[in-house]
Protein backbone atom coordinates (compact mmCIF):
# COMPACT_ATOMS: atom_id res chain seq x y z
CA MET A 1 89.68 89.53 90.91
CA SER A 2 90.31 93.22 91.06
CA ASN A 3 92.06 93.33 94.43
CA ILE A 4 93.82 90.35 95.97
CA ASN A 5 94.07 92.15 99.30
CA LYS A 6 90.31 92.09 99.92
CA ILE A 7 88.93 89.03 101.68
CA LEU A 8 85.50 89.56 100.10
CA SER A 9 86.57 91.02 96.77
CA GLU A 10 84.35 90.95 93.72
CA GLY A 11 83.25 87.48 92.72
CA GLU A 12 82.25 86.26 89.30
CA GLU A 13 78.90 88.03 89.57
CA GLY A 14 80.64 91.33 90.34
CA PHE A 15 79.50 91.68 93.94
CA THR A 16 81.53 93.95 96.16
CA GLU A 17 82.38 93.65 99.83
CA GLU A 18 79.57 96.11 100.57
CA ASP A 19 77.07 93.92 98.68
CA TYR A 20 77.96 90.93 100.85
CA LEU A 21 77.66 93.00 104.02
CA HIS A 22 74.29 94.35 102.85
CA TYR A 23 73.20 90.74 102.26
CA LEU A 24 74.15 89.82 105.82
CA ASN A 25 72.19 92.80 107.11
CA GLN A 26 69.23 91.82 104.89
CA GLU A 27 69.31 95.16 103.08
CA LEU A 28 69.13 93.78 99.52
CA SER A 29 66.21 93.23 97.19
CA PRO A 30 65.04 89.62 96.84
CA GLU A 31 66.57 89.43 93.34
CA GLU A 32 70.00 90.62 94.54
CA ALA A 33 69.85 88.32 97.56
CA HIS A 34 69.02 85.41 95.25
CA LEU A 35 72.06 86.19 93.07
CA ILE A 36 74.33 86.22 96.11
CA GLU A 37 72.83 82.95 97.34
CA LYS A 38 73.42 81.48 93.88
CA GLU A 39 77.07 82.54 94.06
CA MET A 40 77.34 81.04 97.54
CA LEU A 41 76.15 77.69 96.12
CA GLU A 42 78.70 77.86 93.28
CA ASP A 43 81.68 79.12 95.28
CA GLY A 44 82.54 77.27 98.48
CA PHE A 45 84.88 80.04 99.65
CA VAL A 46 82.14 82.67 99.46
CA ASN A 47 79.76 80.30 101.22
CA ASP A 48 82.24 79.63 104.05
CA ALA A 49 83.01 83.33 104.42
CA MET A 50 79.33 84.25 104.56
CA GLU A 51 78.57 81.51 107.10
CA GLY A 52 81.41 82.67 109.31
CA LEU A 53 80.37 86.31 109.08
CA SER A 54 76.69 85.48 109.69
CA ALA A 55 77.66 83.92 113.03
CA ILE A 56 78.76 87.38 114.19
CA LYS A 57 75.82 89.29 115.60
CA SER A 58 76.63 93.00 115.43
CA LYS A 59 77.29 94.98 112.27
CA GLU A 60 80.30 96.70 113.83
CA ALA A 61 81.85 93.34 114.73
CA ILE A 62 81.37 92.10 111.15
CA GLU A 63 83.03 95.18 109.70
CA ALA A 64 85.86 94.91 112.24
CA SER A 65 86.33 91.21 111.41
CA VAL A 66 86.41 91.89 107.67
CA GLU A 67 88.88 94.73 108.20
CA ASN A 68 91.06 92.51 110.39
CA LEU A 69 90.99 89.70 107.81
CA ASN A 70 91.89 92.18 105.06
CA ARG A 71 94.84 93.43 107.12
CA GLN A 72 96.06 89.89 107.82
CA LEU A 73 95.67 88.90 104.16
CA ASN A 74 97.57 91.99 103.04
CA LYS A 75 100.38 91.19 105.51
CA ILE A 76 100.64 87.57 104.28
CA VAL A 77 100.63 88.58 100.62
CA GLN A 78 103.23 91.31 101.21
CA THR A 79 105.47 88.89 103.12
CA ARG A 80 105.36 86.40 100.24
CA ILE A 81 106.08 89.13 97.69
CA ASP A 82 109.05 90.34 99.75
CA LYS A 83 110.44 86.79 100.03
CA LYS A 84 110.18 86.33 96.25
CA ARG A 85 111.98 89.62 95.63
CA LYS A 86 114.80 88.65 97.98
CA ARG A 87 115.31 85.30 96.21
CA LYS A 88 115.59 86.79 92.74
CA LEU A 89 118.83 88.15 91.38
CA PRO A 90 118.43 91.33 89.35
CA SER A 91 118.70 90.71 85.61
CA ASN A 92 122.10 92.45 85.31
CA GLN A 93 123.61 90.05 87.86
CA TRP A 94 122.53 87.10 85.70
CA ALA A 95 124.34 88.68 82.78
CA ILE A 96 127.48 89.09 84.88
CA ILE A 97 127.29 85.45 85.98
CA ALA A 98 126.85 84.30 82.35
CA VAL A 99 129.84 86.37 81.22
CA GLY A 100 131.93 85.00 84.12
CA ILE A 101 131.08 81.39 83.25
CA THR A 102 131.86 82.04 79.58
CA LEU A 103 135.25 83.55 80.47
CA VAL A 104 136.12 80.60 82.69
CA LEU A 105 135.22 78.16 79.89
CA ILE A 106 137.34 80.13 77.40
CA ILE A 107 140.33 80.13 79.75
CA ILE A 108 139.99 76.38 80.39
CA THR A 109 139.70 75.71 76.64
CA PHE A 110 142.71 77.90 75.91
CA TYR A 111 144.74 76.10 78.61
CA ILE A 112 143.77 72.65 77.29
CA ILE A 113 144.64 73.60 73.71
CA HIS A 114 148.08 74.94 74.71
CA LEU A 115 148.71 72.01 77.05
CA TYR A 116 148.33 69.40 74.28
CA HIS A 117 150.00 71.44 71.52
């Protein structure tokens, strides 16, 4: 997929969001429409999306719905990315933690050696 923030991004056949909207508006050649229908049979997500969008009557409402879904999807994806970034420690902090643990182990070892000597 070229863009994870598009609800109707290119499928395996390479169809774009505009191709799907043209299909719904019956503006494609029979060959192109057949290819989209074939993809709908193979991909349940595309089929569900097309069924949902075909229930909407006006072209403007379809475009507004797709735009709204894209916005919501982008917000969800961005929220998840932000949460992952917050959970991760930067790589230099891991190095500091490793050095700290190593120093503590060295001090404990040194103390044990001098305690029993």
